[in-house]
Amino acid sequence: MSPDTVSAQAKFKEKFELPFTLLADTDHAVAEQYGVWKEKMNYGKKYMGVERTTFLLDRDGRLMRVFEKVTPKGHAEEVASALVGR
């Protein structure tokens, strides 16, 4: 889920040929509920944005694990490993 627009999410999905729908949280309401809408800083400038985090839920919607301060490289493998080790 991202604060990007629905159309931006659709383009990302198409570009990377993802087999699932990406959700848009344009008003960042869900990000705020999950506590990941935070003040950030880049080149000395403060702004509000999403702290990249993965929430792994089971089939019943129960939280299994939280991956904080995620970087894309290698993260899919990290999540897959957590699922296998479950």
PDB file of N, CA and C in Angstrom:
ATOM      1  N   MET A   1       0.861  -1.159   0.000  1.00  0.00           N
ATOM      2  CA  MET A   1       0.000   0.000   0.000  1.00  0.00           C
ATOM      3  C   MET A   1       0.906   1.220   0.000  1.00  0.00           C
ATOM      4  N   SER A   2       0.492   2.216  -0.751  1.00  0.00           N
ATOM      5  CA  SER A   2       1.318   3.397  -0.925  1.00  0.00           C
ATOM      6  C   SER A   2       0.442   4.640  -0.973  1.00  0.00           C
ATOM      7  N   PRO A   3       0.992   5.796  -0.597  1.00  0.00           N
ATOM      8  CA  PRO A   3       0.221   7.029  -0.740  1.00  0.00           C
ATOM      9  C   PRO A   3       0.155   7.517  -2.189  1.00  0.00           C
ATOM     10  N   ASP A   4       0.758   6.763  -3.107  1.00  0.00           N
ATOM     11  CA  ASP A   4       0.671   7.119  -4.524  1.00  0.00           C
ATOM     12  C   ASP A   4      -0.764   6.972  -5.028  1.00  0.00           C
ATOM     13  N   THR A   5      -1.043   7.580  -6.151  1.00  0.00           N
ATOM     14  CA  THR A   5      -2.388   7.522  -6.723  1.00  0.00           C
ATOM     15  C   THR A   5      -2.706   6.128  -7.262  1.00  0.00           C
ATOM     16  N   VAL A   6      -3.968   5.884  -7.482  1.00  0.00           N
ATOM     17  CA  VAL A   6      -4.409   4.607  -8.061  1.00  0.00           C
ATOM     18  C   VAL A   6      -3.754   4.400  -9.425  1.00  0.00           C
ATOM     19  N   SER A   7      -3.706   5.448 -10.236  1.00  0.00           N
ATOM     20  CA  SER A   7      -3.106   5.308 -11.573  1.00  0.00           C
ATOM     21  C   SER A   7      -1.602   5.032 -11.480  1.00  0.00           C
ATOM     22  N   ALA A   8      -0.918   5.650 -10.528  1.00  0.00           N
ATOM     23  CA  ALA A   8       0.511   5.382 -10.347  1.00  0.00           C
ATOM     24  C   ALA A   8       0.731   3.936  -9.915  1.00  0.00           C
ATOM     25  N   GLN A   9      -0.130   3.430  -9.060  1.00  0.00           N
ATOM     26  CA  GLN A   9      -0.030   2.040  -8.619  1.00  0.00           C
ATOM     27  C   GLN A   9      -0.256   1.087  -9.795  1.00  0.00           C
ATOM     28  N   ALA A  10      -1.234   1.422 -10.633  1.00  0.00           N
ATOM     29  CA  ALA A  10      -1.527   0.583 -11.810  1.00  0.00           C
ATOM     30  C   ALA A  10      -0.335   0.550 -12.765  1.00  0.00           C
ATOM     31  N   LYS A  11       0.304   1.679 -12.964  1.00  0.00           N
ATOM     32  CA  LYS A  11       1.484   1.732 -13.848  1.00  0.00           C
ATOM     33  C   LYS A  11       2.629   0.906 -13.274  1.00  0.00           C
ATOM     34  N   PHE A  12       2.830   0.994 -11.954  1.00  0.00           N
ATOM     35  CA  PHE A  12       3.883   0.222 -11.302  1.00  0.00           C
ATOM     36  C   PHE A  12       3.603  -1.273 -11.458  1.00  0.00           C
ATOM     37  N   LYS A  13       2.363  -1.660 -11.236  1.00  0.00           N
ATOM     38  CA  LYS A  13       1.973  -3.065 -11.379  1.00  0.00           C
ATOM     39  C   LYS A  13       2.249  -3.565 -12.789  1.00  0.00           C
ATOM     40  N   GLU A  14       1.874  -2.764 -13.771  1.00  0.00           N
ATOM     41  CA  GLU A  14       2.071  -3.144 -15.171  1.00  0.00           C
ATOM     42  C   GLU A  14       3.559  -3.219 -15.504  1.00  0.00           C
ATOM     43  N   LYS A  15       4.314  -2.226 -15.076  1.00  0.00           N
ATOM     44  CA  LYS A  15       5.752  -2.170 -15.377  1.00  0.00           C
ATOM     45  C   LYS A  15       6.482  -3.409 -14.881  1.00  0.00           C
ATOM     46  N   PHE A  16       6.142  -3.852 -13.670  1.00  0.00           N
ATOM     47  CA  PHE A  16       6.831  -4.988 -13.072  1.00  0.00           C
ATOM     48  C   PHE A  16       6.052  -6.301 -13.197  1.00  0.00           C
ATOM     49  N   GLU A  17       4.955  -6.267 -13.987  1.00  0.00           N
ATOM     50  CA  GLU A  17       4.145  -7.460 -14.268  1.00  0.00           C
ATOM     51  C   GLU A  17       3.760  -8.193 -12.983  1.00  0.00           C
ATOM     52  N   LEU A  18       3.261  -7.448 -12.012  1.00  0.00           N
ATOM     53  CA  LEU A  18       2.866  -8.036 -10.741  1.00  0.00           C
ATOM     54  C   LEU A  18       1.520  -8.735 -10.868  1.00  0.00           C
ATOM     55  N   PRO A  19       1.369  -9.915 -10.274  1.00  0.00           N
ATOM     56  CA  PRO A  19       0.125 -10.678 -10.402  1.00  0.00           C
ATOM     57  C   PRO A  19      -0.907 -10.352  -9.328  1.00  0.00           C
ATOM     58  N   PHE A  20      -0.818  -9.165  -8.743  1.00  0.00           N
ATOM     59  CA  PHE A  20      -1.755  -8.787  -7.689  1.00  0.00           C
ATOM     60  C   PHE A  20      -2.020  -7.291  -7.762  1.00  0.00           C
ATOM     61  N   THR A  21      -3.087  -6.869  -7.118  1.00  0.00           N
ATOM     62  CA  THR A  21      -3.479  -5.465  -7.100  1.00  0.00           C
ATOM     63  C   THR A  21      -2.701  -4.720  -6.025  1.00  0.00           C
ATOM     64  N   LEU A  22      -2.232  -3.525  -6.362  1.00  0.00           N
ATOM     65  CA  LEU A  22      -1.571  -2.661  -5.385  1.00  0.00           C
ATOM     66  C   LEU A  22      -2.595  -1.657  -4.875  1.00  0.00           C
ATOM     67  N   LEU A  23      -2.604  -1.437  -3.598  1.00  0.00           N
ATOM     68  CA  LEU A  23      -3.575  -0.534  -2.991  1.00  0.00           C
ATOM     69  C   LEU A  23      -3.002   0.865  -2.843  1.00  0.00           C
ATOM     70  N   ALA A  24      -3.864   1.858  -3.016  1.00  0.00           N
ATOM     71  CA  ALA A  24      -3.481   3.259  -2.877  1.00  0.00           C
ATOM     72  C   ALA A  24      -4.087   3.814  -1.589  1.00  0.00           C
ATOM     73  N   ASP A  25      -3.270   4.519  -0.824  1.00  0.00           N
ATOM     74  CA  ASP A  25      -3.684   5.150   0.434  1.00  0.00           C
ATOM     75  C   ASP A  25      -3.391   6.645   0.304  1.00  0.00           C
ATOM     76  N   THR A  26      -4.067   7.276  -0.643  1.00  0.00           N
ATOM     77  CA  THR A  26      -3.725   8.654  -1.015  1.00  0.00           C
ATOM     78  C   THR A  26      -3.891   9.656   0.123  1.00  0.00           C
ATOM     79  N   ASP A  27      -4.775   9.373   1.048  1.00  0.00           N
ATOM     80  CA  ASP A  27      -4.922  10.291   2.185  1.00  0.00           C
ATOM     81  C   ASP A  27      -4.117   9.825   3.400  1.00  0.00           C
ATOM     82  N   HIS A  28      -3.297   8.790   3.202  1.00  0.00           N
ATOM     83  CA  HIS A  28      -2.413   8.158   4.190  1.00  0.00           C
ATOM     84  C   HIS A  28      -3.114   7.784   5.499  1.00  0.00           C
ATOM     85  N   ALA A  29      -4.421   7.532   5.433  1.00  0.00           N
ATOM     86  CA  ALA A  29      -5.184   7.141   6.627  1.00  0.00           C
ATOM     87  C   ALA A  29      -4.711   5.797   7.186  1.00  0.00           C
ATOM     88  N   VAL A  30      -4.474   4.837   6.306  1.00  0.00           N
ATOM     89  CA  VAL A  30      -4.019   3.517   6.764  1.00  0.00           C
ATOM     90  C   VAL A  30      -2.593   3.614   7.295  1.00  0.00           C
ATOM     91  N   ALA A  31      -1.741   4.365   6.608  1.00  0.00           N
ATOM     92  CA  ALA A  31      -0.362   4.545   7.066  1.00  0.00           C
ATOM     93  C   ALA A  31      -0.339   5.153   8.472  1.00  0.00           C
ATOM     94  N   GLU A  32      -1.230   6.084   8.718  1.00  0.00           N
ATOM     95  CA  GLU A  32      -1.304   6.687  10.052  1.00  0.00           C
ATOM     96  C   GLU A  32      -1.754   5.656  11.083  1.00  0.00           C
ATOM     97  N   GLN A  33      -2.758   4.835  10.731  1.00  0.00           N
ATOM     98  CA  GLN A  33      -3.243   3.813  11.670  1.00  0.00           C
ATOM     99  C   GLN A  33      -2.155   2.796  12.012  1.00  0.00           C
ATOM    100  N   TYR A  34      -1.308   2.471  11.042  1.00  0.00           N
ATOM    101  CA  TYR A  34      -0.236   1.506  11.267  1.00  0.00           C
ATOM    102  C   TYR A  34       1.021   2.156  11.836  1.00  0.00           C
ATOM    103  N   GLY A  35       0.988   3.465  12.018  1.00  0.00           N
ATOM    104  CA  GLY A  35       2.111   4.158  12.630  1.00  0.00           C
ATOM    105  C   GLY A  35       3.320   4.348  11.738  1.00  0.00           C
ATOM    106  N   VAL A  36       3.129   4.331  10.422  1.00  0.00           N
ATOM    107  CA  VAL A  36       4.254   4.472   9.500  1.00  0.00           C
ATOM    108  C   VAL A  36       4.259   5.801   8.743  1.00  0.00           C
ATOM    109  N   TRP A  37       3.296   6.688   9.029  1.00  0.00           N
ATOM    110  CA  TRP A  37       3.293   8.037   8.440  1.00  0.00           C
ATOM    111  C   TRP A  37       4.104   8.897   9.398  1.00  0.00           C
ATOM    112  N   LYS A  38       5.329   9.224   9.002  1.00  0.00           N
ATOM    113  CA  LYS A  38       6.267   9.849   9.931  1.00  0.00           C
ATOM    114  C   LYS A  38       6.967  11.043   9.308  1.00  0.00           C
ATOM    115  N   GLU A  39       7.523  11.850  10.189  1.00  0.00           N
ATOM    116  CA  GLU A  39       8.357  12.954   9.716  1.00  0.00           C
ATOM    117  C   GLU A  39       9.686  12.370   9.250  1.00  0.00           C
ATOM    118  N   LYS A  40      10.096  12.781   8.052  1.00  0.00           N
ATOM    119  CA  LYS A  40      11.346  12.312   7.467  1.00  0.00           C
ATOM    120  C   LYS A  40      12.201  13.522   7.129  1.00  0.00           C
ATOM    121  N   MET A  41      13.463  13.261   6.828  1.00  0.00           N
ATOM    122  CA  MET A  41      14.348  14.355   6.447  1.00  0.00           C
ATOM    123  C   MET A  41      15.202  13.910   5.266  1.00  0.00           C
ATOM    124  N   ASN A  42      15.330  14.791   4.279  1.00  0.00           N
ATOM    125  CA  ASN A  42      16.147  14.527   3.116  1.00  0.00           C
ATOM    126  C   ASN A  42      16.860  15.817   2.741  1.00  0.00           C
ATOM    127  N   TYR A  43      18.167  15.770   2.714  1.00  0.00           N
ATOM    128  CA  TYR A  43      18.978  16.958   2.412  1.00  0.00           C
ATOM    129  C   TYR A  43      18.603  18.140   3.304  1.00  0.00           C
ATOM    130  N   GLY A  44      18.367  17.855   4.579  1.00  0.00           N
ATOM    131  CA  GLY A  44      18.061  18.896   5.544  1.00  0.00           C
ATOM    132  C   GLY A  44      16.630  19.408   5.532  1.00  0.00           C
ATOM    133  N   LYS A  45      15.822  18.883   4.636  1.00  0.00           N
ATOM    134  CA  LYS A  45      14.424  19.320   4.533  1.00  0.00           C
ATOM    135  C   LYS A  45      13.515  18.288   5.204  1.00  0.00           C
ATOM    136  N   LYS A  46      12.649  18.759   6.123  1.00  0.00           N
ATOM    137  CA  LYS A  46      11.697  17.876   6.793  1.00  0.00           C
ATOM    138  C   LYS A  46      10.410  17.784   5.989  1.00  0.00           C
ATOM    139  N   TYR A  47       9.832  16.593   5.965  1.00  0.00           N
ATOM    140  CA  TYR A  47       8.565  16.361   5.273  1.00  0.00           C
ATOM    141  C   TYR A  47       7.906  15.127   5.866  1.00  0.00           C
ATOM    142  N   MET A  48       6.627  14.959   5.611  1.00  0.00           N
ATOM    143  CA  MET A  48       5.901  13.775   6.073  1.00  0.00           C
ATOM    144  C   MET A  48       5.883  12.734   4.955  1.00  0.00           C
ATOM    145  N   GLY A  49       6.076  11.485   5.338  1.00  0.00           N
ATOM    146  CA  GLY A  49       6.067  10.412   4.355  1.00  0.00           C
ATOM    147  C   GLY A  49       5.966   9.058   5.034  1.00  0.00           C
ATOM    148  N   VAL A  50       5.928   8.038   4.234  1.00  0.00           N
ATOM    149  CA  VAL A  50       5.800   6.669   4.737  1.00  0.00           C
ATOM    150  C   VAL A  50       7.180   6.112   5.058  1.00  0.00           C
ATOM    151  N   GLU A  51       7.322   5.560   6.256  1.00  0.00           N
ATOM    152  CA  GLU A  51       8.520   4.806   6.594  1.00  0.00           C
ATOM    153  C   GLU A  51       8.292   3.404   6.063  1.00  0.00           C
ATOM    154  N   ARG A  52       9.068   3.019   5.076  1.00  0.00           N
ATOM    155  CA  ARG A  52       8.836   1.750   4.383  1.00  0.00           C
ATOM    156  C   ARG A  52       8.871   0.594   5.376  1.00  0.00           C
ATOM    157  N   THR A  53       7.744  -0.108   5.469  1.00  0.00           N
ATOM    158  CA  THR A  53       7.551  -1.182   6.432  1.00  0.00           C
ATOM    159  C   THR A  53       6.698  -2.272   5.789  1.00  0.00           C
ATOM    160  N   THR A  54       7.006  -3.519   6.104  1.00  0.00           N
ATOM    161  CA  THR A  54       6.186  -4.633   5.632  1.00  0.00           C
ATOM    162  C   THR A  54       5.506  -5.278   6.828  1.00  0.00           C
ATOM    163  N   PHE A  55       4.193  -5.452   6.708  1.00  0.00           N
ATOM    164  CA  PHE A  55       3.417  -6.146   7.728  1.00  0.00           C
ATOM    165  C   PHE A  55       2.982  -7.478   7.136  1.00  0.00           C
ATOM    166  N   LEU A  56       3.413  -8.557   7.734  1.00  0.00           N
ATOM    167  CA  LEU A  56       3.073  -9.894   7.274  1.00  0.00           C
ATOM    168  C   LEU A  56       1.883 -10.395   8.082  1.00  0.00           C
ATOM    169  N   LEU A  57       0.777 -10.632   7.388  1.00  0.00           N
ATOM    170  CA  LEU A  57      -0.460 -11.073   8.037  1.00  0.00           C
ATOM    171  C   LEU A  57      -0.769 -12.507   7.640  1.00  0.00           C
ATOM    172  N   ASP A  58      -1.405 -13.247   8.552  1.00  0.00           N
ATOM    173  CA  ASP A  58      -1.829 -14.598   8.194  1.00  0.00           C
ATOM    174  C   ASP A  58      -3.167 -14.539   7.462  1.00  0.00           C
ATOM    175  N   ARG A  59      -3.683 -15.680   7.082  1.00  0.00           N
ATOM    176  CA  ARG A  59      -4.936 -15.726   6.304  1.00  0.00           C
ATOM    177  C   ARG A  59      -6.129 -15.144   7.040  1.00  0.00           C
ATOM    178  N   ASP A  60      -6.046 -15.113   8.367  1.00  0.00           N
ATOM    179  CA  ASP A  60      -7.133 -14.562   9.178  1.00  0.00           C
ATOM    180  C   ASP A  60      -6.930 -13.085   9.497  1.00  0.00           C
ATOM    181  N   GLY A  61      -5.875 -12.489   8.927  1.00  0.00           N
ATOM    182  CA  GLY A  61      -5.615 -11.072   9.130  1.00  0.00           C
ATOM    183  C   GLY A  61      -4.852 -10.760  10.408  1.00  0.00           C
ATOM    184  N   ARG A  62      -4.332 -11.797  11.072  1.00  0.00           N
ATOM    185  CA  ARG A  62      -3.551 -11.574  12.291  1.00  0.00           C
ATOM    186  C   ARG A  62      -2.102 -11.234  11.930  1.00  0.00           C
ATOM    187  N   LEU A  63      -1.546 -10.287  12.647  1.00  0.00           N
ATOM    188  CA  LEU A  63      -0.177  -9.850  12.406  1.00  0.00           C
ATOM    189  C   LEU A  63       0.802 -10.938  12.822  1.00  0.00           C
ATOM    190  N   MET A  64       1.627 -11.356  11.872  1.00  0.00           N
ATOM    191  CA  MET A  64       2.627 -12.386  12.134  1.00  0.00           C
ATOM    192  C   MET A  64       4.010 -11.788  12.401  1.00  0.00           C
ATOM    193  N   ARG A  65       4.340 -10.751  11.613  1.00  0.00           N
ATOM    194  CA  ARG A  65       5.678 -10.171  11.722  1.00  0.00           C
ATOM    195  C   ARG A  65       5.692  -8.780  11.111  1.00  0.00           C
ATOM    196  N   VAL A  66       6.571  -7.938  11.621  1.00  0.00           N
ATOM    197  CA  VAL A  66       6.760  -6.592  11.096  1.00  0.00           C
ATOM    198  C   VAL A  66       8.220  -6.446  10.682  1.00  0.00           C
ATOM    199  N   PHE A  67       8.426  -5.997   9.452  1.00  0.00           N
ATOM    200  CA  PHE A  67       9.761  -5.700   8.943  1.00  0.00           C
ATOM    201  C   PHE A  67       9.851  -4.181   8.847  1.00  0.00           C
ATOM    202  N   GLU A  68      10.708  -3.567   9.666  1.00  0.00           N
ATOM    203  CA  GLU A  68      10.810  -2.108   9.693  1.00  0.00           C
ATOM    204  C   GLU A  68      11.997  -1.626   8.863  1.00  0.00           C
ATOM    205  N   LYS A  69      11.891  -0.366   8.413  1.00  0.00           N
ATOM    206  CA  LYS A  69      12.959   0.292   7.647  1.00  0.00           C
ATOM    207  C   LYS A  69      13.455  -0.603   6.514  1.00  0.00           C
ATOM    208  N   VAL A  70      12.512  -1.064   5.714  1.00  0.00           N
ATOM    209  CA  VAL A  70      12.762  -1.995   4.624  1.00  0.00           C
ATOM    210  C   VAL A  70      13.525  -1.323   3.484  1.00  0.00           C
ATOM    211  N   THR A  71      14.467  -2.058   2.932  1.00  0.00           N
ATOM    212  CA  THR A  71      15.092  -1.662   1.674  1.00  0.00           C
ATOM    213  C   THR A  71      14.714  -2.720   0.643  1.00  0.00           C
ATOM    214  N   PRO A  72      14.414  -2.304  -0.579  1.00  0.00           N
ATOM    215  CA  PRO A  72      13.904  -3.249  -1.573  1.00  0.00           C
ATOM    216  C   PRO A  72      14.828  -4.427  -1.886  1.00  0.00           C
ATOM    217  N   LYS A  73      16.128  -4.167  -1.972  1.00  0.00           N
ATOM    218  CA  LYS A  73      17.046  -5.227  -2.374  1.00  0.00           C
ATOM    219  C   LYS A  73      17.056  -6.360  -1.345  1.00  0.00           C
ATOM    220  N   GLY A  74      16.656  -7.539  -1.789  1.00  0.00           N
ATOM    221  CA  GLY A  74      16.671  -8.719  -0.941  1.00  0.00           C
ATOM    222  C   GLY A  74      15.473  -8.874  -0.024  1.00  0.00           C
ATOM    223  N   HIS A  75      14.575  -7.886  -0.016  1.00  0.00           N
ATOM    224  CA  HIS A  75      13.465  -7.960   0.934  1.00  0.00           C
ATOM    225  C   HIS A  75      12.454  -9.052   0.579  1.00  0.00           C
ATOM    226  N   ALA A  76      12.195  -9.250  -0.699  1.00  0.00           N
ATOM    227  CA  ALA A  76      11.245 -10.303  -1.094  1.00  0.00           C
ATOM    228  C   ALA A  76      11.721 -11.659  -0.593  1.00  0.00           C
ATOM    229  N   GLU A  77      13.015 -11.895  -0.689  1.00  0.00           N
ATOM    230  CA  GLU A  77      13.573 -13.157  -0.208  1.00  0.00           C
ATOM    231  C   GLU A  77      13.445 -13.272   1.312  1.00  0.00           C
ATOM    232  N   GLU A  78      13.631 -12.151   2.001  1.00  0.00           N
ATOM    233  CA  GLU A  78      13.503 -12.133   3.461  1.00  0.00           C
ATOM    234  C   GLU A  78      12.073 -12.488   3.883  1.00  0.00           C
ATOM    235  N   VAL A  79      11.091 -11.927   3.184  1.00  0.00           N
ATOM    236  CA  VAL A  79       9.693 -12.217   3.495  1.00  0.00           C
ATOM    237  C   VAL A  79       9.365 -13.665   3.147  1.00  0.00           C
ATOM    238  N   ALA A  80       9.823 -14.132   1.990  1.00  0.00           N
ATOM    239  CA  ALA A  80       9.580 -15.523   1.594  1.00  0.00           C
ATOM    240  C   ALA A  80      10.173 -16.483   2.615  1.00  0.00           C
ATOM    241  N   SER A  81      11.352 -16.177   3.107  1.00  0.00           N
ATOM    242  CA  SER A  81      11.993 -17.006   4.120  1.00  0.00           C
ATOM    243  C   SER A  81      11.182 -17.038   5.407  1.00  0.00           C
ATOM    244  N   ALA A  82      10.622 -15.902   5.775  1.00  0.00           N
ATOM    245  CA  ALA A  82       9.787 -15.844   6.979  1.00  0.00           C
ATOM    246  C   ALA A  82       8.534 -16.685   6.798  1.00  0.00           C
ATOM    247  N   LEU A  83       7.998 -16.728   5.588  1.00  0.00           N
ATOM    248  CA  LEU A  83       6.801 -17.536   5.329  1.00  0.00           C
ATOM    249  C   LEU A  83       7.120 -19.030   5.395  1.00  0.00           C
ATOM    250  N   VAL A  84       8.252 -19.422   4.853  1.00  0.00           N
ATOM    251  CA  VAL A  84       8.649 -20.829   4.843  1.00  0.00           C
ATOM    252  C   VAL A  84       8.956 -21.305   6.257  1.00  0.00           C
ATOM    253  N   GLY A  85       9.590 -20.450   7.037  1.00  0.00           N
ATOM    254  CA  GLY A  85       9.976 -20.808   8.388  1.00  0.00           C
ATOM    255  C   GLY A  85       8.846 -20.788   9.386  1.00  0.00           C
ATOM    256  N   ARG A  86       7.681 -20.455   8.926  1.00  0.00           N
ATOM    257  CA  ARG A  86       6.502 -20.291   9.774  1.00  0.00           C
ATOM    258  C   ARG A  86       6.041 -21.571  10.363  1.00  0.00           C
TER     259      ARG A  86
END
